[in-house]
PDB file of N, CA and C in Angstrom:
ATOM      1  N   ARG A   1      -9.460  16.983   0.394  1.00  0.00           N
ATOM      2  CA  ARG A   1     -10.432  16.161  -0.302  1.00  0.00           C
ATOM      3  C   ARG A   1     -11.638  15.896   0.585  1.00  0.00           C
ATOM      4  N   GLU A   2     -12.767  15.855  -0.026  1.00  0.00           N
ATOM      5  CA  GLU A   2     -13.991  15.537   0.704  1.00  0.00           C
ATOM      6  C   GLU A   2     -14.424  14.131   0.329  1.00  0.00           C
ATOM      7  N   ILE A   3     -14.741  13.344   1.339  1.00  0.00           N
ATOM      8  CA  ILE A   3     -15.215  11.982   1.114  1.00  0.00           C
ATOM      9  C   ILE A   3     -16.653  11.913   1.586  1.00  0.00           C
ATOM     10  N   THR A   4     -17.544  11.484   0.715  1.00  0.00           N
ATOM     11  CA  THR A   4     -18.947  11.361   1.079  1.00  0.00           C
ATOM     12  C   THR A   4     -19.396   9.915   0.883  1.00  0.00           C
ATOM     13  N   PHE A   5     -20.278   9.488   1.736  1.00  0.00           N
ATOM     14  CA  PHE A   5     -20.835   8.147   1.664  1.00  0.00           C
ATOM     15  C   PHE A   5     -22.348   8.250   1.759  1.00  0.00           C
ATOM     16  N   ASN A   6     -23.023   7.370   1.076  1.00  0.00           N
ATOM     17  CA  ASN A   6     -24.449   7.282   1.298  1.00  0.00           C
ATOM     18  C   ASN A   6     -24.697   6.033   2.147  1.00  0.00           C
ATOM     19  N   CYS A   7     -25.882   5.864   2.619  1.00  0.00           N
ATOM     20  CA  CYS A   7     -26.159   4.766   3.543  1.00  0.00           C
ATOM     21  C   CYS A   7     -26.068   3.393   2.877  1.00  0.00           C
ATOM     22  N   TYR A   8     -25.973   3.353   1.557  1.00  0.00           N
ATOM     23  CA  TYR A   8     -25.896   2.086   0.849  1.00  0.00           C
ATOM     24  C   TYR A   8     -24.476   1.742   0.394  1.00  0.00           C
ATOM     25  N   SER A   9     -23.565   2.671   0.582  1.00  0.00           N
ATOM     26  CA  SER A   9     -22.199   2.394   0.141  1.00  0.00           C
ATOM     27  C   SER A   9     -21.412   1.721   1.256  1.00  0.00           C
ATOM     28  N   LYS A  10     -20.418   0.970   0.859  1.00  0.00           N
ATOM     29  CA  LYS A  10     -19.548   0.299   1.814  1.00  0.00           C
ATOM     30  C   LYS A  10     -18.113   0.638   1.457  1.00  0.00           C
ATOM     31  N   PHE A  11     -17.325   0.890   2.468  1.00  0.00           N
ATOM     32  CA  PHE A  11     -15.914   1.201   2.300  1.00  0.00           C
ATOM     33  C   PHE A  11     -15.129   0.001   2.797  1.00  0.00           C
ATOM     34  N   SER A  12     -14.290  -0.552   1.946  1.00  0.00           N
ATOM     35  CA  SER A  12     -13.527  -1.734   2.346  1.00  0.00           C
ATOM     36  C   SER A  12     -12.045  -1.404   2.429  1.00  0.00           C
ATOM     37  N   ILE A  13     -11.419  -1.935   3.452  1.00  0.00           N
ATOM     38  CA  ILE A  13     -10.008  -1.680   3.695  1.00  0.00           C
ATOM     39  C   ILE A  13      -9.343  -2.995   4.085  1.00  0.00           C
ATOM     40  N   VAL A  14      -8.094  -3.150   3.661  1.00  0.00           N
ATOM     41  CA  VAL A  14      -7.340  -4.341   4.011  1.00  0.00           C
ATOM     42  C   VAL A  14      -5.971  -3.907   4.521  1.00  0.00           C
ATOM     43  N   HIS A  15      -5.486  -4.607   5.520  1.00  0.00           N
ATOM     44  CA  HIS A  15      -4.125  -4.402   6.016  1.00  0.00           C
ATOM     45  C   HIS A  15      -3.357  -5.686   5.779  1.00  0.00           C
ATOM     46  N   TYR A  16      -2.162  -5.538   5.238  1.00  0.00           N
ATOM     47  CA  TYR A  16      -1.360  -6.711   4.912  1.00  0.00           C
ATOM     48  C   TYR A  16       0.088  -6.453   5.293  1.00  0.00           C
ATOM     49  N   ASN A  17       0.671  -7.346   6.087  1.00  0.00           N
ATOM     50  CA  ASN A  17       2.081  -7.281   6.433  1.00  0.00           C
ATOM     51  C   ASN A  17       2.831  -7.953   5.288  1.00  0.00           C
ATOM     52  N   ILE A  18       3.380  -7.157   4.395  1.00  0.00           N
ATOM     53  CA  ILE A  18       3.861  -7.636   3.108  1.00  0.00           C
ATOM     54  C   ILE A  18       5.266  -8.229   3.144  1.00  0.00           C
ATOM     55  N   GLN A  19       6.096  -7.796   4.067  1.00  0.00           N
ATOM     56  CA  GLN A  19       7.490  -8.249   4.172  1.00  0.00           C
ATOM     57  C   GLN A  19       8.199  -8.205   2.825  1.00  0.00           C
ATOM     58  N   SER A  20       8.371  -7.015   2.326  1.00  0.00           N
ATOM     59  CA  SER A  20       9.050  -6.675   1.070  1.00  0.00           C
ATOM     60  C   SER A  20       8.038  -6.530  -0.057  1.00  0.00           C
ATOM     61  N   LEU A  21       7.839  -5.313  -0.469  1.00  0.00           N
ATOM     62  CA  LEU A  21       6.837  -5.003  -1.489  1.00  0.00           C
ATOM     63  C   LEU A  21       7.368  -5.088  -2.912  1.00  0.00           C
ATOM     64  N   THR A  22       8.614  -4.753  -3.143  1.00  0.00           N
ATOM     65  CA  THR A  22       9.103  -4.567  -4.508  1.00  0.00           C
ATOM     66  C   THR A  22       8.883  -5.763  -5.417  1.00  0.00           C
ATOM     67  N   ASN A  23       8.962  -6.964  -4.899  1.00  0.00           N
ATOM     68  CA  ASN A  23       8.781  -8.145  -5.754  1.00  0.00           C
ATOM     69  C   ASN A  23       7.361  -8.708  -5.708  1.00  0.00           C
ATOM     70  N   LYS A  24       6.431  -7.980  -5.060  1.00  0.00           N
ATOM     71  CA  LYS A  24       5.067  -8.495  -4.896  1.00  0.00           C
ATOM     72  C   LYS A  24       3.995  -7.538  -5.395  1.00  0.00           C
ATOM     73  N   VAL A  25       4.370  -6.487  -6.081  1.00  0.00           N
ATOM     74  CA  VAL A  25       3.394  -5.478  -6.515  1.00  0.00           C
ATOM     75  C   VAL A  25       2.332  -6.100  -7.415  1.00  0.00           C
ATOM     76  N   ASP A  26       2.725  -6.945  -8.357  1.00  0.00           N
ATOM     77  CA  ASP A  26       1.753  -7.571  -9.267  1.00  0.00           C
ATOM     78  C   ASP A  26       0.750  -8.439  -8.515  1.00  0.00           C
ATOM     79  N   VAL A  27       1.217  -9.178  -7.534  1.00  0.00           N
ATOM     80  CA  VAL A  27       0.333 -10.041  -6.738  1.00  0.00           C
ATOM     81  C   VAL A  27      -0.629  -9.192  -5.917  1.00  0.00           C
ATOM     82  N   ILE A  28      -0.115  -8.168  -5.261  1.00  0.00           N
ATOM     83  CA  ILE A  28      -0.956  -7.271  -4.465  1.00  0.00           C
ATOM     84  C   ILE A  28      -2.003  -6.609  -5.356  1.00  0.00           C
ATOM     85  N   GLU A  29      -1.569  -6.134  -6.513  1.00  0.00           N
ATOM     86  CA  GLU A  29      -2.485  -5.451  -7.427  1.00  0.00           C
ATOM     87  C   GLU A  29      -3.616  -6.364  -7.887  1.00  0.00           C
ATOM     88  N   SER A  30      -3.335  -7.601  -8.169  1.00  0.00           N
ATOM     89  CA  SER A  30      -4.374  -8.506  -8.657  1.00  0.00           C
ATOM     90  C   SER A  30      -5.246  -9.061  -7.536  1.00  0.00           C
ATOM     91  N   GLU A  31      -4.675  -9.392  -6.398  1.00  0.00           N
ATOM     92  CA  GLU A  31      -5.443 -10.020  -5.323  1.00  0.00           C
ATOM     93  C   GLU A  31      -6.233  -9.042  -4.467  1.00  0.00           C
ATOM     94  N   LEU A  32      -5.782  -7.787  -4.383  1.00  0.00           N
ATOM     95  CA  LEU A  32      -6.426  -6.835  -3.478  1.00  0.00           C
ATOM     96  C   LEU A  32      -7.114  -5.684  -4.210  1.00  0.00           C
ATOM     97  N   ARG A  33      -7.293  -5.787  -5.511  1.00  0.00           N
ATOM     98  CA  ARG A  33      -7.841  -4.682  -6.298  1.00  0.00           C
ATOM     99  C   ARG A  33      -9.285  -4.339  -5.965  1.00  0.00           C
ATOM    100  N   ASN A  34     -10.020  -5.232  -5.322  1.00  0.00           N
ATOM    101  CA  ASN A  34     -11.428  -4.962  -5.021  1.00  0.00           C
ATOM    102  C   ASN A  34     -11.635  -4.195  -3.721  1.00  0.00           C
ATOM    103  N   PHE A  35     -10.559  -3.857  -3.032  1.00  0.00           N
ATOM    104  CA  PHE A  35     -10.664  -3.049  -1.821  1.00  0.00           C
ATOM    105  C   PHE A  35     -10.581  -1.576  -2.174  1.00  0.00           C
ATOM    106  N   ASP A  36     -11.164  -0.742  -1.322  1.00  0.00           N
ATOM    107  CA  ASP A  36     -11.097   0.701  -1.524  1.00  0.00           C
ATOM    108  C   ASP A  36      -9.773   1.273  -1.027  1.00  0.00           C
ATOM    109  N   ALA A  37      -9.218   0.685   0.011  1.00  0.00           N
ATOM    110  CA  ALA A  37      -7.940   1.129   0.578  1.00  0.00           C
ATOM    111  C   ALA A  37      -7.097  -0.093   0.916  1.00  0.00           C
ATOM    112  N   ILE A  38      -5.823  -0.003   0.585  1.00  0.00           N
ATOM    113  CA  ILE A  38      -4.876  -1.069   0.891  1.00  0.00           C
ATOM    114  C   ILE A  38      -3.796  -0.474   1.784  1.00  0.00           C
ATOM    115  N   CYS A  39      -3.623  -1.042   2.965  1.00  0.00           N
ATOM    116  CA  CYS A  39      -2.578  -0.600   3.891  1.00  0.00           C
ATOM    117  C   CYS A  39      -1.526  -1.697   3.977  1.00  0.00           C
ATOM    118  N   LEU A  40      -0.284  -1.330   3.717  1.00  0.00           N
ATOM    119  CA  LEU A  40       0.793  -2.309   3.719  1.00  0.00           C
ATOM    120  C   LEU A  40       1.845  -1.914   4.742  1.00  0.00           C
ATOM    121  N   THR A  41       2.256  -2.867   5.557  1.00  0.00           N
ATOM    122  CA  THR A  41       3.343  -2.650   6.505  1.00  0.00           C
ATOM    123  C   THR A  41       4.476  -3.609   6.171  1.00  0.00           C
ATOM    124  N   GLU A  42       5.629  -3.322   6.774  1.00  0.00           N
ATOM    125  CA  GLU A  42       6.834  -4.120   6.505  1.00  0.00           C
ATOM    126  C   GLU A  42       7.141  -4.158   5.007  1.00  0.00           C
ATOM    127  N   THR A  43       7.029  -3.004   4.353  1.00  0.00           N
ATOM    128  CA  THR A  43       7.290  -2.931   2.915  1.00  0.00           C
ATOM    129  C   THR A  43       8.778  -3.012   2.604  1.00  0.00           C
ATOM    130  N   TRP A  44       9.611  -2.693   3.554  1.00  0.00           N
ATOM    131  CA  TRP A  44      11.072  -2.688   3.421  1.00  0.00           C
ATOM    132  C   TRP A  44      11.529  -1.710   2.347  1.00  0.00           C
ATOM    133  N   LEU A  45      10.815  -0.600   2.231  1.00  0.00           N
ATOM    134  CA  LEU A  45      11.158   0.423   1.250  1.00  0.00           C
ATOM    135  C   LEU A  45      12.051   1.493   1.876  1.00  0.00           C
ATOM    136  N   ASP A  46      12.836   2.135   1.035  1.00  0.00           N
ATOM    137  CA  ASP A  46      13.584   3.314   1.432  1.00  0.00           C
ATOM    138  C   ASP A  46      13.642   4.256   0.236  1.00  0.00           C
ATOM    139  N   ASN A  47      14.382   5.351   0.359  1.00  0.00           N
ATOM    140  CA  ASN A  47      14.373   6.369  -0.691  1.00  0.00           C
ATOM    141  C   ASN A  47      15.017   5.913  -1.994  1.00  0.00           C
ATOM    142  N   ARG A  48      15.608   4.748  -2.038  1.00  0.00           N
ATOM    143  CA  ARG A  48      16.176   4.224  -3.288  1.00  0.00           C
ATOM    144  C   ARG A  48      15.114   3.596  -4.184  1.00  0.00           C
ATOM    145  N   VAL A  49      13.913   3.365  -3.651  1.00  0.00           N
ATOM    146  CA  VAL A  49      12.826   2.747  -4.420  1.00  0.00           C
ATOM    147  C   VAL A  49      11.881   3.852  -4.895  1.00  0.00           C
ATOM    148  N   PRO A  50      11.857   4.118  -6.203  1.00  0.00           N
ATOM    149  CA  PRO A  50      10.972   5.178  -6.714  1.00  0.00           C
ATOM    150  C   PRO A  50       9.501   4.765  -6.674  1.00  0.00           C
ATOM    151  N   ASP A  51       8.633   5.744  -6.548  1.00  0.00           N
ATOM    152  CA  ASP A  51       7.189   5.502  -6.510  1.00  0.00           C
ATOM    153  C   ASP A  51       6.708   4.707  -7.720  1.00  0.00           C
ATOM    154  N   GLU A  52       7.257   4.979  -8.889  1.00  0.00           N
ATOM    155  CA  GLU A  52       6.816   4.316 -10.115  1.00  0.00           C
ATOM    156  C   GLU A  52       7.000   2.794 -10.042  1.00  0.00           C
ATOM    157  N   THR A  53       7.966   2.350  -9.265  1.00  0.00           N
ATOM    158  CA  THR A  53       8.258   0.920  -9.135  1.00  0.00           C
ATOM    159  C   THR A  53       7.172   0.183  -8.364  1.00  0.00           C
ATOM    160  N   ILE A  54       6.506   0.880  -7.451  1.00  0.00           N
ATOM    161  CA  ILE A  54       5.550   0.218  -6.552  1.00  0.00           C
ATOM    162  C   ILE A  54       4.122   0.724  -6.729  1.00  0.00           C
ATOM    163  N   LYS A  55       3.883   1.511  -7.747  1.00  0.00           N
ATOM    164  CA  LYS A  55       2.545   2.068  -7.999  1.00  0.00           C
ATOM    165  C   LYS A  55       1.554   0.952  -8.303  1.00  0.00           C
ATOM    166  N   ILE A  56       0.406   1.005  -7.646  1.00  0.00           N
ATOM    167  CA  ILE A  56      -0.668   0.040  -7.864  1.00  0.00           C
ATOM    168  C   ILE A  56      -1.789   0.773  -8.593  1.00  0.00           C
ATOM    169  N   ASN A  57      -2.142   0.298  -9.775  1.00  0.00           N
ATOM    170  CA  ASN A  57      -3.154   0.951 -10.612  1.00  0.00           C
ATOM    171  C   ASN A  57      -4.466   1.148  -9.856  1.00  0.00           C
ATOM    172  N   GLY A  58      -5.002   2.346  -9.960  1.00  0.00           N
ATOM    173  CA  GLY A  58      -6.279   2.661  -9.340  1.00  0.00           C
ATOM    174  C   GLY A  58      -6.166   3.160  -7.908  1.00  0.00           C
ATOM    175  N   PHE A  59      -4.947   3.272  -7.380  1.00  0.00           N
ATOM    176  CA  PHE A  59      -4.745   3.701  -5.999  1.00  0.00           C
ATOM    177  C   PHE A  59      -3.765   4.858  -5.935  1.00  0.00           C
ATOM    178  N   SER A  60      -3.992   5.757  -4.990  1.00  0.00           N
ATOM    179  CA  SER A  60      -3.021   6.800  -4.689  1.00  0.00           C
ATOM    180  C   SER A  60      -1.987   6.205  -3.749  1.00  0.00           C
ATOM    181  N   LEU A  61      -0.781   6.688  -3.838  1.00  0.00           N
ATOM    182  CA  LEU A  61       0.303   6.142  -3.035  1.00  0.00           C
ATOM    183  C   LEU A  61       0.691   7.118  -1.931  1.00  0.00           C
ATOM    184  N   TYR A  62       0.702   6.650  -0.710  1.00  0.00           N
ATOM    185  CA  TYR A  62       1.168   7.420   0.441  1.00  0.00           C
ATOM    186  C   TYR A  62       2.223   6.584   1.136  1.00  0.00           C
ATOM    187  N   ARG A  63       3.427   7.111   1.196  1.00  0.00           N
ATOM    188  CA  ARG A  63       4.542   6.371   1.783  1.00  0.00           C
ATOM    189  C   ARG A  63       4.995   7.013   3.079  1.00  0.00           C
ATOM    190  N   ARG A  64       5.446   6.161   3.977  1.00  0.00           N
ATOM    191  CA  ARG A  64       6.100   6.619   5.195  1.00  0.00           C
ATOM    192  C   ARG A  64       7.254   5.641   5.461  1.00  0.00           C
ATOM    193  N   ASP A  65       8.293   5.780   4.660  1.00  0.00           N
ATOM    194  CA  ASP A  65       9.444   4.897   4.783  1.00  0.00           C
ATOM    195  C   ASP A  65      10.189   5.174   6.083  1.00  0.00           C
ATOM    196  N   ARG A  66      10.755   4.135   6.645  1.00  0.00           N
ATOM    197  CA  ARG A  66      11.544   4.270   7.845  1.00  0.00           C
ATOM    198  C   ARG A  66      12.938   4.795   7.468  1.00  0.00           C
ATOM    199  N   VAL A  67      13.341   5.890   8.059  1.00  0.00           N
ATOM    200  CA  VAL A  67      14.631   6.500   7.750  1.00  0.00           C
ATOM    201  C   VAL A  67      15.745   5.711   8.453  1.00  0.00           C
ATOM    202  N   GLY A  68      16.739   5.312   7.664  1.00  0.00           N
ATOM    203  CA  GLY A  68      17.896   4.622   8.239  1.00  0.00           C
ATOM    204  C   GLY A  68      17.731   3.120   8.397  1.00  0.00           C
ATOM    205  N   ASP A  69      16.544   2.602   8.201  1.00  0.00           N
ATOM    206  CA  ASP A  69      16.307   1.165   8.341  1.00  0.00           C
ATOM    207  C   ASP A  69      15.067   0.805   7.538  1.00  0.00           C
ATOM    208  N   ASN A  70      15.215  -0.049   6.553  1.00  0.00           N
ATOM    209  CA  ASN A  70      14.066  -0.386   5.727  1.00  0.00           C
ATOM    210  C   ASN A  70      13.405  -1.687   6.139  1.00  0.00           C
ATOM    211  N   HIS A  71      13.776  -2.241   7.273  1.00  0.00           N
ATOM    212  CA  HIS A  71      13.160  -3.468   7.785  1.00  0.00           C
ATOM    213  C   HIS A  71      12.341  -3.166   9.029  1.00  0.00           C
ATOM    214  N   GLY A  72      11.893  -4.200   9.697  1.00  0.00           N
ATOM    215  CA  GLY A  72      11.090  -4.037  10.903  1.00  0.00           C
ATOM    216  C   GLY A  72      11.921  -3.576  12.094  1.00  0.00           C
ATOM    217  N   CYS A  73      11.287  -3.456  13.218  1.00  0.00           N
ATOM    218  CA  CYS A  73      11.968  -3.015  14.431  1.00  0.00           C
ATOM    219  C   CYS A  73      13.029  -4.035  14.844  1.00  0.00           C
ATOM    220  N   ALA A  74      14.090  -3.528  15.390  1.00  0.00           N
ATOM    221  CA  ALA A  74      15.170  -4.421  15.846  1.00  0.00           C
ATOM    222  C   ALA A  74      14.900  -4.899  17.250  1.00  0.00           C
TER     223      ALA A  74
END
């Protein structure tokens, strides 16, 4: 993909330590919808959670689930 910007455009990004995403998708979708990119850590996801469950309208989903542990570092 090619991303182009003009000198008048602004790219906004937010990082949020979510501490479990599955029960907060609606809140994230409504509160952070005005950002261009949303980065979430501590999602506590694993391969049992399908993409459709956590899809946020208007955003592409890129996952990097932790294998063998769906929580933070021990």
